C-alpha atoms as a PDB file:
ATOM      1  CA  UNK A   1       0.000   0.000   0.000  1.00  0.00           C
ATOM      2  CA  UNK A   2       2.842   2.385   0.823  1.00  0.00           C
ATOM      3  CA  UNK A   3       4.722   1.567  -2.383  1.00  0.00           C
ATOM      4  CA  UNK A   4       1.700   2.284  -4.524  1.00  0.00           C
ATOM      5  CA  UNK A   5       0.616   5.544  -2.900  1.00  0.00           C
ATOM      6  CA  UNK A   6       3.554   7.328  -1.287  1.00  0.00           C
ATOM      7  CA  UNK A   7       6.829   5.761  -2.383  1.00  0.00           C
ATOM      8  CA  UNK A   8       7.442   8.165  -5.262  1.00  0.00           C
ATOM      9  CA  UNK A   9       6.654  11.236  -3.138  1.00  0.00           C
ATOM     10  CA  UNK A  10       8.901  10.059  -0.300  1.00  0.00           C
ATOM     11  CA  UNK A  11      11.751   9.340  -2.722  1.00  0.00           C
ATOM     12  CA  UNK A  12      11.482  12.843  -4.155  1.00  0.00           C
ATOM     13  CA  UNK A  13      11.552  14.337  -0.667  1.00  0.00           C
ATOM     14  CA  UNK A  14      14.663  12.339   0.270  1.00  0.00           C
ATOM     15  CA  UNK A  15      16.587  13.314  -2.860  1.00  0.00           C
ATOM     16  CA  UNK A  16      18.163  16.490  -1.338  1.00  0.00           C
ATOM     17  CA  UNK A  17      19.247  14.495   1.727  1.00  0.00           C
ATOM     18  CA  UNK A  18      20.787  11.902  -0.575  1.00  0.00           C
ATOM     19  CA  UNK A  19      22.829  14.580  -2.339  1.00  0.00           C
ATOM     20  CA  UNK A  20      24.023  15.970   0.998  1.00  0.00           C
ATOM     21  CA  UNK A  21      25.127  12.542   2.229  1.00  0.00           C
ATOM     22  CA  UNK A  22      26.853  11.828  -1.074  1.00  0.00           C
ATOM     23  CA  UNK A  23      29.018  14.904  -0.629  1.00  0.00           C
ATOM     24  CA  UNK A  24      30.249  13.526   2.703  1.00  0.00           C
ATOM     25  CA  UNK A  25      31.619  10.469   0.889  1.00  0.00           C
ATOM     26  CA  UNK A  26      29.313   7.913   2.505  1.00  0.00           C
ATOM     27  CA  UNK A  27      28.043   5.165   0.224  1.00  0.00           C
ATOM     28  CA  UNK A  28      24.659   3.488  -0.005  1.00  0.00           C
ATOM     29  CA  UNK A  29      26.168   0.153   1.095  1.00  0.00           C
ATOM     30  CA  UNK A  30      27.533   1.711   4.270  1.00  0.00           C
ATOM     31  CA  UNK A  31      24.122   3.159   5.078  1.00  0.00           C
ATOM     32  CA  UNK A  32      22.531  -0.245   4.529  1.00  0.00           C
ATOM     33  CA  UNK A  33      25.043  -1.840   6.905  1.00  0.00           C
ATOM     34  CA  UNK A  34      24.269   0.812   9.523  1.00  0.00           C
ATOM     35  CA  UNK A  35      20.599  -0.083   9.203  1.00  0.00           C
ATOM     36  CA  UNK A  36      21.380  -3.762   9.789  1.00  0.00           C
ATOM     37  CA  UNK A  37      23.400  -2.841  12.883  1.00  0.00           C
ATOM     38  CA  UNK A  38      20.534  -0.731  14.266  1.00  0.00           C
ATOM     39  CA  UNK A  39      18.057  -3.545  13.631  1.00  0.00           C
ATOM     40  CA  UNK A  40      20.368  -5.982  15.425  1.00  0.00           C
ATOM     41  CA  UNK A  41      20.525  -3.724  18.483  1.00  0.00           C
ATOM     42  CA  UNK A  42      16.750  -3.303  18.351  1.00  0.00           C
ATOM     43  CA  UNK A  43      16.274  -7.085  18.261  1.00  0.00           C
ATOM     44  CA  UNK A  44      18.582  -7.602  21.245  1.00  0.00           C
ATOM     45  CA  UNK A  45      16.894  -4.910  23.338  1.00  0.00           C
ATOM     46  CA  UNK A  46      13.436  -6.226  22.457  1.00  0.00           C
ATOM     47  CA  UNK A  47      14.443  -9.770  23.359  1.00  0.00           C
ATOM     48  CA  UNK A  48      15.811  -8.502  26.670  1.00  0.00           C
ATOM     49  CA  UNK A  49      12.454  -6.938  27.478  1.00  0.00           C
ATOM     50  CA  UNK A  50      13.275  -3.266  26.867  1.00  0.00           C
ATOM     51  CA  UNK A  51      10.494  -2.761  24.367  1.00  0.00           C
ATOM     52  CA  UNK A  52      10.450   1.030  24.310  1.00  0.00           C
ATOM     53  CA  UNK A  53      14.224   1.121  23.877  1.00  0.00           C
ATOM     54  CA  UNK A  54      13.740  -1.343  21.057  1.00  0.00           C
ATOM     55  CA  UNK A  55      11.175   1.048  19.611  1.00  0.00           C
ATOM     56  CA  UNK A  56      13.791   3.806  19.465  1.00  0.00           C
ATOM     57  CA  UNK A  57      16.339   1.584  17.744  1.00  0.00           C
ATOM     58  CA  UNK A  58      13.624   0.400  15.349  1.00  0.00           C
ATOM     59  CA  UNK A  59      13.125   4.014  14.317  1.00  0.00           C
ATOM     60  CA  UNK A  60      16.891   4.408  13.917  1.00  0.00           C
ATOM     61  CA  UNK A  61      16.948   1.296  11.727  1.00  0.00           C
ATOM     62  CA  UNK A  62      14.224   2.740   9.527  1.00  0.00           C
ATOM     63  CA  UNK A  63      16.194   5.895   8.720  1.00  0.00           C
ATOM     64  CA  UNK A  64      19.072   4.158   6.868  1.00  0.00           C
ATOM     65  CA  UNK A  65      16.550   1.922   5.148  1.00  0.00           C
ATOM     66  CA  UNK A  66      14.934   5.031   3.679  1.00  0.00           C
ATOM     67  CA  UNK A  67      18.171   6.834   2.839  1.00  0.00           C
ATOM     68  CA  UNK A  68      20.324   4.196   1.137  1.00  0.00           C
ATOM     69  CA  UNK A  69      18.294   4.378  -2.050  1.00  0.00           C
ATOM     70  CA  UNK A  70      18.440   8.183  -2.062  1.00  0.00           C
ATOM     71  CA  UNK A  71      22.233   8.123  -1.735  1.00  0.00           C
ATOM     72  CA  UNK A  72      22.532   5.551  -4.532  1.00  0.00           C
ATOM     73  CA  UNK A  73      20.420   7.680  -6.855  1.00  0.00           C
ATOM     74  CA  UNK A  74      22.279  10.868  -5.937  1.00  0.00           C
ATOM     75  CA  UNK A  75      25.672   9.304  -6.594  1.00  0.00           C
ATOM     76  CA  UNK A  76      24.570   7.468  -9.701  1.00  0.00           C
ATOM     77  CA  UNK A  77      25.696   4.152  -8.241  1.00  0.00           C
ATOM     78  CA  UNK A  78      22.361   2.384  -8.406  1.00  0.00           C
ATOM     79  CA  UNK A  79      22.866  -1.143  -9.689  1.00  0.00           C
ATOM     80  CA  UNK A  80      21.466  -4.645  -9.601  1.00  0.00           C
ATOM     81  CA  UNK A  81      24.083  -5.487  -6.984  1.00  0.00           C
ATOM     82  CA  UNK A  82      22.908  -2.659  -4.743  1.00  0.00           C
ATOM     83  CA  UNK A  83      19.255  -3.563  -5.232  1.00  0.00           C
ATOM     84  CA  UNK A  84      20.043  -7.169  -4.355  1.00  0.00           C
ATOM     85  CA  UNK A  85      21.961  -6.155  -1.226  1.00  0.00           C
ATOM     86  CA  UNK A  86      19.134  -3.854  -0.140  1.00  0.00           C
ATOM     87  CA  UNK A  87      16.511  -6.564  -0.619  1.00  0.00           C
ATOM     88  CA  UNK A  88      18.543  -9.166   1.264  1.00  0.00           C
ATOM     89  CA  UNK A  89      19.182  -6.713   4.107  1.00  0.00           C
ATOM     90  CA  UNK A  90      15.423  -6.082   4.381  1.00  0.00           C
ATOM     91  CA  UNK A  91      14.760  -9.784   4.843  1.00  0.00           C
ATOM     92  CA  UNK A  92      17.593 -10.031   7.375  1.00  0.00           C
ATOM     93  CA  UNK A  93      16.369  -7.096   9.467  1.00  0.00           C
ATOM     94  CA  UNK A  94      12.813  -8.480   9.420  1.00  0.00           C
ATOM     95  CA  UNK A  95      14.078 -11.812  10.729  1.00  0.00           C
ATOM     96  CA  UNK A  96      16.105 -10.086  13.441  1.00  0.00           C
ATOM     97  CA  UNK A  97      13.230  -7.899  14.624  1.00  0.00           C
ATOM     98  CA  UNK A  98      10.571 -10.597  14.739  1.00  0.00           C
ATOM     99  CA  UNK A  99      13.099 -12.992  16.222  1.00  0.00           C
ATOM    100  CA  UNK A 100      13.628 -10.496  19.037  1.00  0.00           C
ATOM    101  CA  UNK A 101       9.882 -10.271  19.611  1.00  0.00           C
ATOM    102  CA  UNK A 102       9.611 -14.084  19.651  1.00  0.00           C
ATOM    103  CA  UNK A 103      12.437 -14.272  22.202  1.00  0.00           C
ATOM    104  CA  UNK A 104      10.688 -11.698  24.399  1.00  0.00           C
ATOM    105  CA  UNK A 105       7.366 -13.562  24.293  1.00  0.00           C
ATOM    106  CA  UNK A 106       9.037 -16.914  24.982  1.00  0.00           C
ATOM    107  CA  UNK A 107      10.651 -15.406  28.086  1.00  0.00           C
ATOM    108  CA  UNK A 108       7.650 -13.502  29.421  1.00  0.00           C
ATOM    109  CA  UNK A 109       4.434 -15.102  28.161  1.00  0.00           C
ATOM    110  CA  UNK A 110       3.050 -18.598  28.816  1.00  0.00           C
ATOM    111  CA  UNK A 111       2.100 -21.140  26.197  1.00  0.00           C
ATOM    112  CA  UNK A 112       3.049 -21.009  22.542  1.00  0.00           C
ATOM    113  CA  UNK A 113       2.317 -17.350  21.908  1.00  0.00           C
ATOM    114  CA  UNK A 114       5.956 -16.902  20.901  1.00  0.00           C
ATOM    115  CA  UNK A 115       5.004 -18.622  17.632  1.00  0.00           C
ATOM    116  CA  UNK A 116       2.892 -15.601  16.697  1.00  0.00           C
ATOM    117  CA  UNK A 117       5.784 -13.424  15.443  1.00  0.00           C
ATOM    118  CA  UNK A 118       7.261 -16.524  13.808  1.00  0.00           C
ATOM    119  CA  UNK A 119       4.019 -16.967  11.863  1.00  0.00           C
ATOM    120  CA  UNK A 120       4.117 -13.310  10.837  1.00  0.00           C
ATOM    121  CA  UNK A 121       7.690 -13.675   9.641  1.00  0.00           C
ATOM    122  CA  UNK A 122       6.861 -16.804   7.634  1.00  0.00           C
ATOM    123  CA  UNK A 123       3.897 -15.105   5.974  1.00  0.00           C
ATOM    124  CA  UNK A 124       5.991 -12.005   5.239  1.00  0.00           C
ATOM    125  CA  UNK A 125       8.670 -14.156   3.594  1.00  0.00           C
ATOM    126  CA  UNK A 126       5.948 -15.784   1.493  1.00  0.00           C
ATOM    127  CA  UNK A 127       4.772 -12.341   0.357  1.00  0.00           C
ATOM    128  CA  UNK A 128       8.330 -11.402  -0.567  1.00  0.00           C
ATOM    129  CA  UNK A 129       8.715 -14.618  -2.573  1.00  0.00           C
ATOM    130  CA  UNK A 130       5.456 -13.960  -4.413  1.00  0.00           C
ATOM    131  CA  UNK A 131       6.729 -10.604  -5.627  1.00  0.00           C
ATOM    132  CA  UNK A 132      10.160 -11.926  -6.585  1.00  0.00           C
ATOM    133  CA  UNK A 133       8.733 -14.864  -8.537  1.00  0.00           C
ATOM    134  CA  UNK A 134       6.039 -12.783 -10.210  1.00  0.00           C
ATOM    135  CA  UNK A 135       8.518 -10.146 -11.359  1.00  0.00           C
ATOM    136  CA  UNK A 136      10.858 -12.827 -12.692  1.00  0.00           C
ATOM    137  CA  UNK A 137       7.944 -13.954 -14.888  1.00  0.00           C
ATOM    138  CA  UNK A 138       7.115 -10.421 -15.957  1.00  0.00           C
ATOM    139  CA  UNK A 139       4.078  -9.781 -13.754  1.00  0.00           C
ATOM    140  CA  UNK A 140       3.355  -7.100 -11.169  1.00  0.00           C
ATOM    141  CA  UNK A 141       2.863  -8.324  -7.596  1.00  0.00           C
ATOM    142  CA  UNK A 142       3.236  -5.031  -5.750  1.00  0.00           C
ATOM    143  CA  UNK A 143       0.584  -3.818  -3.354  1.00  0.00           C
ATOM    144  CA  UNK A 144      -1.444  -5.216  -0.518  1.00  0.00           C
ATOM    145  CA  UNK A 145      -2.792  -3.914   2.745  1.00  0.00           C
ATOM    146  CA  UNK A 146       0.235  -4.946   4.847  1.00  0.00           C
ATOM    147  CA  UNK A 147       3.556  -4.566   3.062  1.00  0.00           C
ATOM    148  CA  UNK A 148       6.928  -4.191   4.758  1.00  0.00           C
ATOM    149  CA  UNK A 149       6.570  -0.507   5.584  1.00  0.00           C
ATOM    150  CA  UNK A 150       3.187  -1.125   7.194  1.00  0.00           C
ATOM    151  CA  UNK A 151       4.543  -4.058   9.194  1.00  0.00           C
ATOM    152  CA  UNK A 152       7.351  -1.919  10.607  1.00  0.00           C
ATOM    153  CA  UNK A 153       4.909   0.847  11.541  1.00  0.00           C
ATOM    154  CA  UNK A 154       2.513  -1.568  13.241  1.00  0.00           C
ATOM    155  CA  UNK A 155       5.380  -3.283  15.067  1.00  0.00           C
ATOM    156  CA  UNK A 156       6.601   0.111  16.289  1.00  0.00           C
ATOM    157  CA  UNK A 157       3.126   0.783  17.670  1.00  0.00           C
ATOM    158  CA  UNK A 158       3.151  -2.534  19.532  1.00  0.00           C
ATOM    159  CA  UNK A 159       6.562  -1.790  21.040  1.00  0.00           C
ATOM    160  CA  UNK A 160       5.510   1.695  22.101  1.00  0.00           C
ATOM    161  CA  UNK A 161       2.435   0.286  23.876  1.00  0.00           C
ATOM    162  CA  UNK A 162       3.611  -3.083  25.278  1.00  0.00           C
ATOM    163  CA  UNK A 163       0.226  -3.861  26.816  1.00  0.00           C
ATOM    164  CA  UNK A 164      -1.161  -4.022  23.263  1.00  0.00           C
ATOM    165  CA  UNK A 165       1.728  -5.949  21.731  1.00  0.00           C
ATOM    166  CA  UNK A 166       0.057  -9.347  21.437  1.00  0.00           C
ATOM    167  CA  UNK A 167      -3.170  -7.884  20.061  1.00  0.00           C
ATOM    168  CA  UNK A 168      -1.121  -5.840  17.602  1.00  0.00           C
ATOM    169  CA  UNK A 169       0.708  -8.956  16.438  1.00  0.00           C
ATOM    170  CA  UNK A 170      -2.579 -10.772  15.839  1.00  0.00           C
ATOM    171  CA  UNK A 171      -3.833  -7.882  13.732  1.00  0.00           C
ATOM    172  CA  UNK A 172      -0.550  -7.881  11.819  1.00  0.00           C
ATOM    173  CA  UNK A 173      -0.766 -11.608  11.132  1.00  0.00           C
ATOM    174  CA  UNK A 174      -4.313 -11.359   9.785  1.00  0.00           C
ATOM    175  CA  UNK A 175      -3.523  -8.379   7.559  1.00  0.00           C
ATOM    176  CA  UNK A 176      -0.293  -9.988   6.318  1.00  0.00           C
ATOM    177  CA  UNK A 177      -2.220 -13.137   5.380  1.00  0.00           C
ATOM    178  CA  UNK A 178      -4.765 -10.999   3.525  1.00  0.00           C
ATOM    179  CA  UNK A 179      -1.897  -9.352   1.646  1.00  0.00           C
ATOM    180  CA  UNK A 180      -0.609 -12.756   0.603  1.00  0.00           C
ATOM    181  CA  UNK A 181      -4.031 -13.612  -0.813  1.00  0.00           C
ATOM    182  CA  UNK A 182      -4.262 -10.235  -2.554  1.00  0.00           C
ATOM    183  CA  UNK A 183      -0.932 -10.724  -4.305  1.00  0.00           C
ATOM    184  CA  UNK A 184      -1.743 -14.285  -5.289  1.00  0.00           C
ATOM    185  CA  UNK A 185      -5.047 -13.237  -6.851  1.00  0.00           C
ATOM    186  CA  UNK A 186      -3.419 -10.276  -8.622  1.00  0.00           C
ATOM    187  CA  UNK A 187      -0.742 -12.388 -10.279  1.00  0.00           C
ATOM    188  CA  UNK A 188      -3.156 -15.241 -10.994  1.00  0.00           C
ATOM    189  CA  UNK A 189      -5.403 -12.877 -12.924  1.00  0.00           C
ATOM    190  CA  UNK A 190      -2.502 -11.447 -14.914  1.00  0.00           C
ATOM    191  CA  UNK A 191      -1.271 -14.920 -15.802  1.00  0.00           C
ATOM    192  CA  UNK A 192      -4.795 -16.106 -16.697  1.00  0.00           C
ATOM    193  CA  UNK A 193      -5.270 -13.178 -19.060  1.00  0.00           C
ATOM    194  CA  UNK A 194      -2.069 -14.159 -20.826  1.00  0.00           C
ATOM    195  CA  UNK A 195      -0.480 -10.747 -20.674  1.00  0.00           C
ATOM    196  CA  UNK A 196       2.765 -10.606 -22.636  1.00  0.00           C
ATOM    197  CA  UNK A 197       5.944 -10.601 -20.638  1.00  0.00           C
ATOM    198  CA  UNK A 198       7.690  -7.196 -20.868  1.00  0.00           C
ATOM    199  CA  UNK A 199      11.073  -7.299 -22.586  1.00  0.00           C
ATOM    200  CA  UNK A 200      12.883  -6.044 -19.493  1.00  0.00           C
ATOM    201  CA  UNK A 201      11.707  -9.069 -17.528  1.00  0.00           C
ATOM    202  CA  UNK A 202      12.488 -11.711 -20.117  1.00  0.00           C
ATOM    203  CA  UNK A 203      15.371 -13.974 -19.318  1.00  0.00           C
ATOM    204  CA  UNK A 204      17.724 -13.436 -22.175  1.00  0.00           C
ATOM    205  CA  UNK A 205      19.973 -16.302 -22.996  1.00  0.00           C
ATOM    206  CA  UNK A 206      23.023 -15.853 -25.176  1.00  0.00           C
ATOM    207  CA  UNK A 207      22.683 -17.363 -28.589  1.00  0.00           C
ATOM    208  CA  UNK A 208      24.610 -20.565 -28.869  1.00  0.00           C
ATOM    209  CA  UNK A 209      26.496 -21.209 -32.044  1.00  0.00           C
ATOM    210  CA  UNK A 210      25.544 -24.376 -33.823  1.00  0.00           C
ATOM    211  CA  UNK A 211      28.536 -26.663 -33.552  1.00  0.00           C
ATOM    212  CA  UNK A 212      28.766 -29.962 -35.334  1.00  0.00           C
ATOM    213  CA  UNK A 213      29.332 -33.131 -33.324  1.00  0.00           C
ATOM    214  CA  UNK A 214      32.892 -34.123 -32.536  1.00  0.00           C
ATOM    215  CA  UNK A 215      32.699 -37.360 -34.532  1.00  0.00           C
ATOM    216  CA  UNK A 216      31.641 -35.413 -37.633  1.00  0.00           C
ATOM    217  CA  UNK A 217      34.545 -32.979 -37.205  1.00  0.00           C
ATOM    218  CA  UNK A 218      37.002 -35.870 -37.009  1.00  0.00           C
ATOM    219  CA  UNK A 219      35.569 -37.508 -40.121  1.00  0.00           C
ATOM    220  CA  UNK A 220      35.843 -34.238 -42.014  1.00  0.00           C
ATOM    221  CA  UNK A 221      39.495 -33.849 -40.871  1.00  0.00           C
ATOM    222  CA  UNK A 222      40.339 -37.381 -41.971  1.00  0.00           C
ATOM    223  CA  UNK A 223      38.797 -36.761 -45.385  1.00  0.00           C
ATOM    224  CA  UNK A 224      40.846 -33.580 -45.690  1.00  0.00           C
ATOM    225  CA  UNK A 225      44.019 -35.496 -44.877  1.00  0.00           C
ATOM    226  CA  UNK A 226      43.238 -38.195 -47.444  1.00  0.00           C
ATOM    227  CA  UNK A 227      42.493 -35.574 -50.079  1.00  0.00           C
ATOM    228  CA  UNK A 228      45.825 -33.907 -49.361  1.00  0.00           C
END
């Protein structure tokens, strides 16, 4: 939902900040690594039971996540490698954060409620896979009521109000599952309509030269020798 409605506007607003950071010499990869470090600290503090401290570090982790793309665009260093690194770091920080929440619930709540953030993480990974697979086939799988930005915002709310954390996680799980269904239906319809795959998404394979079998080459060489 965020990507479809506000991503472009936010990127435009962050462009001047990206130019300022570029002039300091910092790279997009460094900013991404800082974000991973902040998410790691947030996960540790959440697991230790300091939820509001974890909330602060979660906010600090979100800042680099928003700025690395702006720095890459400002410096003209955007690449497939950078996009891959950014995507992998997003999955890693998600696992760290929800792992911290699971650790906290396992230490402070009875029963199997600690599986709730694990279920959210599994569903979120499924959503991420849907988009990756759909785009590899040339279809659009963006959108949904609970994408990554929304999950981070809702998690921040639950950390800020610990008494509502479990209820917040239940709401997040339901909305994340709905998002998975939304993306599945969206791609299913595109594939059923037989929409052509855009050229930029086609997997281009290098043309292979037609080479004759080895036995035929040897026979031709022997004939050449006899003719000589």
